[in-house]
């Protein structure tokens, strides 16, 4: 966590945010873009994880093992 704070301090020192509304709106948009990308990746990984878990459960429910 401390490393993240250090990086953020360096980032803010080299590229300070202006104290006006337009600059804050741009900053908010720029921070929402990566968060949306992370959300999409989370959904894809979660769906694939659930699909694998269900498929594995179906395969293990048969007594002869590798039916599929």
PDB file of N, CA and C in Angstrom:
ATOM      1  N   UNK A   1       0.824  -1.189   0.000  1.00  0.00           N
ATOM      2  CA  UNK A   1       0.000   0.000   0.000  1.00  0.00           C
ATOM      3  C   UNK A   1       0.870   1.254   0.000  1.00  0.00           C
ATOM      4  N   UNK A   2       1.963   1.211   0.721  1.00  0.00           N
ATOM      5  CA  UNK A   2       2.845   2.370   0.795  1.00  0.00           C
ATOM      6  C   UNK A   2       3.460   2.679  -0.564  1.00  0.00           C
ATOM      7  N   UNK A   3       3.780   1.646  -1.343  1.00  0.00           N
ATOM      8  CA  UNK A   3       4.358   1.843  -2.665  1.00  0.00           C
ATOM      9  C   UNK A   3       3.364   2.572  -3.562  1.00  0.00           C
ATOM     10  N   UNK A   4       2.087   2.230  -3.465  1.00  0.00           N
ATOM     11  CA  UNK A   4       1.052   2.872  -4.258  1.00  0.00           C
ATOM     12  C   UNK A   4       0.953   4.355  -3.916  1.00  0.00           C
ATOM     13  N   UNK A   5       1.031   4.681  -2.647  1.00  0.00           N
ATOM     14  CA  UNK A   5       0.962   6.084  -2.237  1.00  0.00           C
ATOM     15  C   UNK A   5       2.159   6.860  -2.764  1.00  0.00           C
ATOM     16  N   UNK A   6       3.325   6.233  -2.742  1.00  0.00           N
ATOM     17  CA  UNK A   6       4.531   6.886  -3.241  1.00  0.00           C
ATOM     18  C   UNK A   6       4.385   7.160  -4.734  1.00  0.00           C
ATOM     19  N   UNK A   7       3.894   6.192  -5.481  1.00  0.00           N
ATOM     20  CA  UNK A   7       3.693   6.383  -6.917  1.00  0.00           C
ATOM     21  C   UNK A   7       2.690   7.496  -7.166  1.00  0.00           C
ATOM     22  N   UNK A   8       1.621   7.529  -6.375  1.00  0.00           N
ATOM     23  CA  UNK A   8       0.601   8.554  -6.561  1.00  0.00           C
ATOM     24  C   UNK A   8       1.158   9.938  -6.269  1.00  0.00           C
ATOM     25  N   UNK A   9       1.976  10.069  -5.237  1.00  0.00           N
ATOM     26  CA  UNK A   9       2.593  11.365  -4.930  1.00  0.00           C
ATOM     27  C   UNK A   9       3.486  11.819  -6.074  1.00  0.00           C
ATOM     28  N   UNK A  10       4.277  10.902  -6.628  1.00  0.00           N
ATOM     29  CA  UNK A  10       5.143  11.268  -7.750  1.00  0.00           C
ATOM     30  C   UNK A  10       4.323  11.647  -8.973  1.00  0.00           C
ATOM     31  N   UNK A  11       3.254  10.917  -9.219  1.00  0.00           N
ATOM     32  CA  UNK A  11       2.395  11.201 -10.360  1.00  0.00           C
ATOM     33  C   UNK A  11       1.730  12.562 -10.218  1.00  0.00           C
ATOM     34  N   UNK A  12       1.236  12.858  -9.042  1.00  0.00           N
ATOM     35  CA  UNK A  12       0.573  14.153  -8.814  1.00  0.00           C
ATOM     36  C   UNK A  12       1.574  15.298  -8.835  1.00  0.00           C
ATOM     37  N   UNK A  13       2.802  15.055  -8.381  1.00  0.00           N
ATOM     38  CA  UNK A  13       3.816  16.104  -8.384  1.00  0.00           C
ATOM     39  C   UNK A  13       4.230  16.443  -9.815  1.00  0.00           C
ATOM     40  N   UNK A  14       4.335  15.451 -10.672  1.00  0.00           N
ATOM     41  CA  UNK A  14       4.752  15.699 -12.048  1.00  0.00           C
ATOM     42  C   UNK A  14       3.605  16.174 -12.932  1.00  0.00           C
ATOM     43  N   UNK A  15       2.365  15.865 -12.545  1.00  0.00           N
ATOM     44  CA  UNK A  15       1.204  16.236 -13.341  1.00  0.00           C
ATOM     45  C   UNK A  15       0.077  16.683 -12.418  1.00  0.00           C
ATOM     46  N   UNK A  16       0.172  17.880 -11.855  1.00  0.00           N
ATOM     47  CA  UNK A  16      -0.847  18.314 -10.889  1.00  0.00           C
ATOM     48  C   UNK A  16      -2.205  18.549 -11.540  1.00  0.00           C
ATOM     49  N   UNK A  17      -3.253  18.412 -10.753  1.00  0.00           N
ATOM     50  CA  UNK A  17      -4.621  18.616 -11.227  1.00  0.00           C
ATOM     51  C   UNK A  17      -5.008  20.054 -10.946  1.00  0.00           C
ATOM     52  N   UNK A  18      -5.523  20.710 -11.972  1.00  0.00           N
ATOM     53  CA  UNK A  18      -5.998  22.085 -11.769  1.00  0.00           C
ATOM     54  C   UNK A  18      -7.240  22.068 -10.891  1.00  0.00           C
ATOM     55  N   UNK A  19      -7.483  23.177 -10.239  1.00  0.00           N
ATOM     56  CA  UNK A  19      -8.600  23.252  -9.307  1.00  0.00           C
ATOM     57  C   UNK A  19      -9.854  23.846  -9.961  1.00  0.00           C
ATOM     58  N   UNK A  20     -10.105  23.496 -11.210  1.00  0.00           N
ATOM     59  CA  UNK A  20     -11.332  23.977 -11.833  1.00  0.00           C
ATOM     60  C   UNK A  20     -12.220  22.800 -12.215  1.00  0.00           C
ATOM     61  N   UNK A  21     -13.459  23.101 -12.515  1.00  0.00           N
ATOM     62  CA  UNK A  21     -14.449  22.055 -12.760  1.00  0.00           C
ATOM     63  C   UNK A  21     -14.119  21.216 -13.999  1.00  0.00           C
ATOM     64  N   UNK A  22     -13.680  21.847 -15.057  1.00  0.00           N
ATOM     65  CA  UNK A  22     -13.391  21.120 -16.294  1.00  0.00           C
ATOM     66  C   UNK A  22     -12.260  20.117 -16.082  1.00  0.00           C
ATOM     67  N   UNK A  23     -11.223  20.513 -15.358  1.00  0.00           N
ATOM     68  CA  UNK A  23     -10.096  19.617 -15.104  1.00  0.00           C
ATOM     69  C   UNK A  23     -10.532  18.436 -14.243  1.00  0.00           C
ATOM     70  N   UNK A  24     -11.379  18.692 -13.258  1.00  0.00           N
ATOM     71  CA  UNK A  24     -11.866  17.610 -12.405  1.00  0.00           C
ATOM     72  C   UNK A  24     -12.772  16.654 -13.171  1.00  0.00           C
ATOM     73  N   UNK A  25     -13.572  17.175 -14.095  1.00  0.00           N
ATOM     74  CA  UNK A  25     -14.416  16.304 -14.906  1.00  0.00           C
ATOM     75  C   UNK A  25     -13.568  15.422 -15.821  1.00  0.00           C
ATOM     76  N   UNK A  26     -12.517  15.976 -16.393  1.00  0.00           N
ATOM     77  CA  UNK A  26     -11.609  15.184 -17.230  1.00  0.00           C
ATOM     78  C   UNK A  26     -10.933  14.107 -16.397  1.00  0.00           C
ATOM     79  N   UNK A  27     -10.475  14.468 -15.203  1.00  0.00           N
ATOM     80  CA  UNK A  27      -9.830  13.489 -14.317  1.00  0.00           C
ATOM     81  C   UNK A  27     -10.796  12.377 -13.944  1.00  0.00           C
ATOM     82  N   UNK A  28     -12.046  12.738 -13.644  1.00  0.00           N
ATOM     83  CA  UNK A  28     -13.039  11.728 -13.302  1.00  0.00           C
ATOM     84  C   UNK A  28     -13.281  10.777 -14.472  1.00  0.00           C
ATOM     85  N   UNK A  29     -13.387  11.312 -15.682  1.00  0.00           N
ATOM     86  CA  UNK A  29     -13.594  10.482 -16.875  1.00  0.00           C
ATOM     87  C   UNK A  29     -12.407   9.554 -17.090  1.00  0.00           C
ATOM     88  N   UNK A  30     -11.193  10.090 -16.908  1.00  0.00           N
ATOM     89  CA  UNK A  30      -9.995   9.278 -17.105  1.00  0.00           C
ATOM     90  C   UNK A  30      -9.867   8.179 -16.057  1.00  0.00           C
ATOM     91  N   UNK A  31     -10.410   8.370 -14.870  1.00  0.00           N
ATOM     92  CA  UNK A  31     -10.356   7.316 -13.860  1.00  0.00           C
ATOM     93  C   UNK A  31     -11.492   6.313 -14.038  1.00  0.00           C
ATOM     94  N   UNK A  32     -12.598   6.733 -14.638  1.00  0.00           N
ATOM     95  CA  UNK A  32     -13.710   5.799 -14.869  1.00  0.00           C
ATOM     96  C   UNK A  32     -13.414   4.837 -16.016  1.00  0.00           C
ATOM     97  N   UNK A  33     -12.656   5.267 -17.009  1.00  0.00           N
ATOM     98  CA  UNK A  33     -12.339   4.400 -18.139  1.00  0.00           C
ATOM     99  C   UNK A  33     -11.622   3.123 -17.714  1.00  0.00           C
ATOM    100  N   UNK A  34     -10.530   3.191 -16.951  1.00  0.00           N
ATOM    101  CA  UNK A  34      -9.876   1.938 -16.543  1.00  0.00           C
ATOM    102  C   UNK A  34     -10.752   1.091 -15.623  1.00  0.00           C
ATOM    103  N   UNK A  35     -11.550   1.733 -14.784  1.00  0.00           N
ATOM    104  CA  UNK A  35     -12.427   0.976 -13.894  1.00  0.00           C
ATOM    105  C   UNK A  35     -13.460   0.198 -14.696  1.00  0.00           C
ATOM    106  N   UNK A  36     -13.973   0.774 -15.766  1.00  0.00           N
ATOM    107  CA  UNK A  36     -14.919   0.061 -16.614  1.00  0.00           C
ATOM    108  C   UNK A  36     -14.238  -1.125 -17.286  1.00  0.00           C
ATOM    109  N   UNK A  37     -13.007  -0.941 -17.719  1.00  0.00           N
ATOM    110  CA  UNK A  37     -12.248  -2.037 -18.308  1.00  0.00           C
ATOM    111  C   UNK A  37     -12.032  -3.166 -17.318  1.00  0.00           C
ATOM    112  N   UNK A  38     -11.738  -2.822 -16.064  1.00  0.00           N
ATOM    113  CA  UNK A  38     -11.567  -3.836 -15.024  1.00  0.00           C
ATOM    114  C   UNK A  38     -12.881  -4.568 -14.772  1.00  0.00           C
ATOM    115  N   UNK A  39     -13.995  -3.854 -14.823  1.00  0.00           N
ATOM    116  CA  UNK A  39     -15.298  -4.477 -14.617  1.00  0.00           C
ATOM    117  C   UNK A  39     -15.586  -5.494 -15.726  1.00  0.00           C
ATOM    118  N   UNK A  40     -15.285  -5.145 -16.961  1.00  0.00           N
ATOM    119  CA  UNK A  40     -15.507  -6.064 -18.085  1.00  0.00           C
ATOM    120  C   UNK A  40     -14.649  -7.316 -17.912  1.00  0.00           C
ATOM    121  N   UNK A  41     -13.380  -7.135 -17.550  1.00  0.00           N
ATOM    122  CA  UNK A  41     -12.495  -8.280 -17.337  1.00  0.00           C
ATOM    123  C   UNK A  41     -13.021  -9.155 -16.205  1.00  0.00           C
ATOM    124  N   UNK A  42     -13.496  -8.541 -15.112  1.00  0.00           N
ATOM    125  CA  UNK A  42     -14.054  -9.299 -13.996  1.00  0.00           C
ATOM    126  C   UNK A  42     -15.247 -10.137 -14.440  1.00  0.00           C
ATOM    127  N   UNK A  43     -16.134  -9.541 -15.227  1.00  0.00           N
ATOM    128  CA  UNK A  43     -17.327 -10.263 -15.678  1.00  0.00           C
ATOM    129  C   UNK A  43     -16.933 -11.449 -16.557  1.00  0.00           C
ATOM    130  N   UNK A  44     -15.999 -11.245 -17.471  1.00  0.00           N
ATOM    131  CA  UNK A  44     -15.562 -12.338 -18.353  1.00  0.00           C
ATOM    132  C   UNK A  44     -14.944 -13.469 -17.535  1.00  0.00           C
ATOM    133  N   UNK A  45     -14.057 -13.121 -16.600  1.00  0.00           N
ATOM    134  CA  UNK A  45     -13.403 -14.151 -15.784  1.00  0.00           C
ATOM    135  C   UNK A  45     -14.426 -14.868 -14.901  1.00  0.00           C
ATOM    136  N   UNK A  46     -15.371 -14.131 -14.338  1.00  0.00           N
ATOM    137  CA  UNK A  46     -16.384 -14.752 -13.486  1.00  0.00           C
ATOM    138  C   UNK A  46     -17.263 -15.715 -14.279  1.00  0.00           C
ATOM    139  N   UNK A  47     -17.686 -15.306 -15.472  1.00  0.00           N
ATOM    140  CA  UNK A  47     -18.524 -16.175 -16.304  1.00  0.00           C
ATOM    141  C   UNK A  47     -17.752 -17.436 -16.696  1.00  0.00           C
ATOM    142  N   UNK A  48     -16.503 -17.273 -17.099  1.00  0.00           N
ATOM    143  CA  UNK A  48     -15.696 -18.447 -17.457  1.00  0.00           C
ATOM    144  C   UNK A  48     -15.464 -19.351 -16.249  1.00  0.00           C
ATOM    145  N   UNK A  49     -15.232 -18.768 -15.098  1.00  0.00           N
ATOM    146  CA  UNK A  49     -15.035 -19.569 -13.889  1.00  0.00           C
ATOM    147  C   UNK A  49     -16.275 -20.358 -13.521  1.00  0.00           C
ATOM    148  N   UNK A  50     -17.427 -19.730 -13.620  1.00  0.00           N
ATOM    149  CA  UNK A  50     -18.677 -20.425 -13.323  1.00  0.00           C
ATOM    150  C   UNK A  50     -18.929 -21.528 -14.344  1.00  0.00           C
ATOM    151  N   UNK A  51     -18.662 -21.246 -15.630  1.00  0.00           N
ATOM    152  CA  UNK A  51     -18.867 -22.254 -16.668  1.00  0.00           C
ATOM    153  C   UNK A  51     -17.960 -23.462 -16.442  1.00  0.00           C
ATOM    154  N   UNK A  52     -16.699 -23.215 -16.094  1.00  0.00           N
ATOM    155  CA  UNK A  52     -15.774 -24.324 -15.837  1.00  0.00           C
ATOM    156  C   UNK A  52     -16.212 -25.112 -14.608  1.00  0.00           C
ATOM    157  N   UNK A  53     -16.647 -24.415 -13.572  1.00  0.00           N
ATOM    158  CA  UNK A  53     -17.093 -25.104 -12.361  1.00  0.00           C
ATOM    159  C   UNK A  53     -18.318 -25.964 -12.639  1.00  0.00           C
ATOM    160  N   UNK A  54     -19.263 -25.442 -13.404  1.00  0.00           N
ATOM    161  CA  UNK A  54     -20.456 -26.225 -13.733  1.00  0.00           C
ATOM    162  C   UNK A  54     -20.106 -27.416 -14.607  1.00  0.00           C
ATOM    163  N   UNK A  55     -19.272 -27.207 -15.610  1.00  0.00           N
ATOM    164  CA  UNK A  55     -18.879 -28.298 -16.497  1.00  0.00           C
ATOM    165  C   UNK A  55     -18.118 -29.368 -15.727  1.00  0.00           C
ATOM    166  N   UNK A  56     -17.228 -28.953 -14.845  1.00  0.00           N
ATOM    167  CA  UNK A  56     -16.475 -29.909 -14.038  1.00  0.00           C
ATOM    168  C   UNK A  56     -17.430 -30.687 -13.123  1.00  0.00           C
ATOM    169  N   UNK A  57     -18.419 -30.005 -12.574  1.00  0.00           N
ATOM    170  CA  UNK A  57     -19.397 -30.674 -11.726  1.00  0.00           C
ATOM    171  C   UNK A  57     -20.223 -31.678 -12.489  1.00  0.00           C
ATOM    172  N   UNK A  58     -20.570 -31.350 -13.732  1.00  0.00           N
ATOM    173  CA  UNK A  58     -21.336 -32.289 -14.562  1.00  0.00           C
ATOM    174  C   UNK A  58     -20.484 -33.504 -14.884  1.00  0.00           C
ATOM    175  N   UNK A  59     -19.224 -33.281 -15.243  1.00  0.00           N
ATOM    176  CA  UNK A  59     -18.350 -34.405 -15.588  1.00  0.00           C
ATOM    177  C   UNK A  59     -18.105 -35.310 -14.387  1.00  0.00           C
ATOM    178  N   UNK A  60     -17.968 -34.744 -13.218  1.00  0.00           N
ATOM    179  CA  UNK A  60     -17.699 -35.546 -12.018  1.00  0.00           C
ATOM    180  C   UNK A  60     -18.942 -36.281 -11.529  1.00  0.00           C
ATOM    181  N   UNK A  61     -20.125 -35.872 -11.994  1.00  0.00           N
ATOM    182  CA  UNK A  61     -21.347 -36.533 -11.526  1.00  0.00           C
ATOM    183  C   UNK A  61     -21.571 -37.878 -12.224  1.00  0.00           C
ATOM    184  N   UNK A  62     -20.898 -38.113 -13.340  1.00  0.00           N
ATOM    185  CA  UNK A  62     -21.041 -39.389 -14.021  1.00  0.00           C
ATOM    186  C   UNK A  62     -20.057 -40.395 -13.429  1.00  0.00           C
ATOM    187  N   UNK A  63     -20.477 -41.625 -13.244  1.00  0.00           N
ATOM    188  CA  UNK A  63     -19.596 -42.613 -12.608  1.00  0.00           C
ATOM    189  C   UNK A  63     -18.417 -43.043 -13.469  1.00  0.00           C
ATOM    190  N   UNK A  64     -18.535 -42.895 -14.778  1.00  0.00           N
ATOM    191  CA  UNK A  64     -17.458 -43.343 -15.644  1.00  0.00           C
ATOM    192  C   UNK A  64     -16.485 -42.221 -16.012  1.00  0.00           C
ATOM    193  N   UNK A  65     -16.541 -41.130 -15.323  1.00  0.00           N
ATOM    194  CA  UNK A  65     -15.517 -40.104 -15.401  1.00  0.00           C
ATOM    195  C   UNK A  65     -15.565 -39.230 -16.642  1.00  0.00           C
ATOM    196  N   UNK A  66     -14.818 -39.570 -17.641  1.00  0.00           N
ATOM    197  CA  UNK A  66     -14.673 -38.676 -18.808  1.00  0.00           C
ATOM    198  C   UNK A  66     -15.717 -38.978 -19.871  1.00  0.00           C
ATOM    199  N   UNK A  67     -16.939 -38.665 -19.587  1.00  0.00           N
ATOM    200  CA  UNK A  67     -18.037 -38.862 -20.527  1.00  0.00           C
ATOM    201  C   UNK A  67     -17.962 -37.839 -21.648  1.00  0.00           C
ATOM    202  N   UNK A  68     -17.541 -36.606 -21.317  1.00  0.00           N
ATOM    203  CA  UNK A  68     -17.497 -35.518 -22.298  1.00  0.00           C
ATOM    204  C   UNK A  68     -16.166 -35.453 -22.948  1.00  0.00           C
TER     205      UNK A  68
END
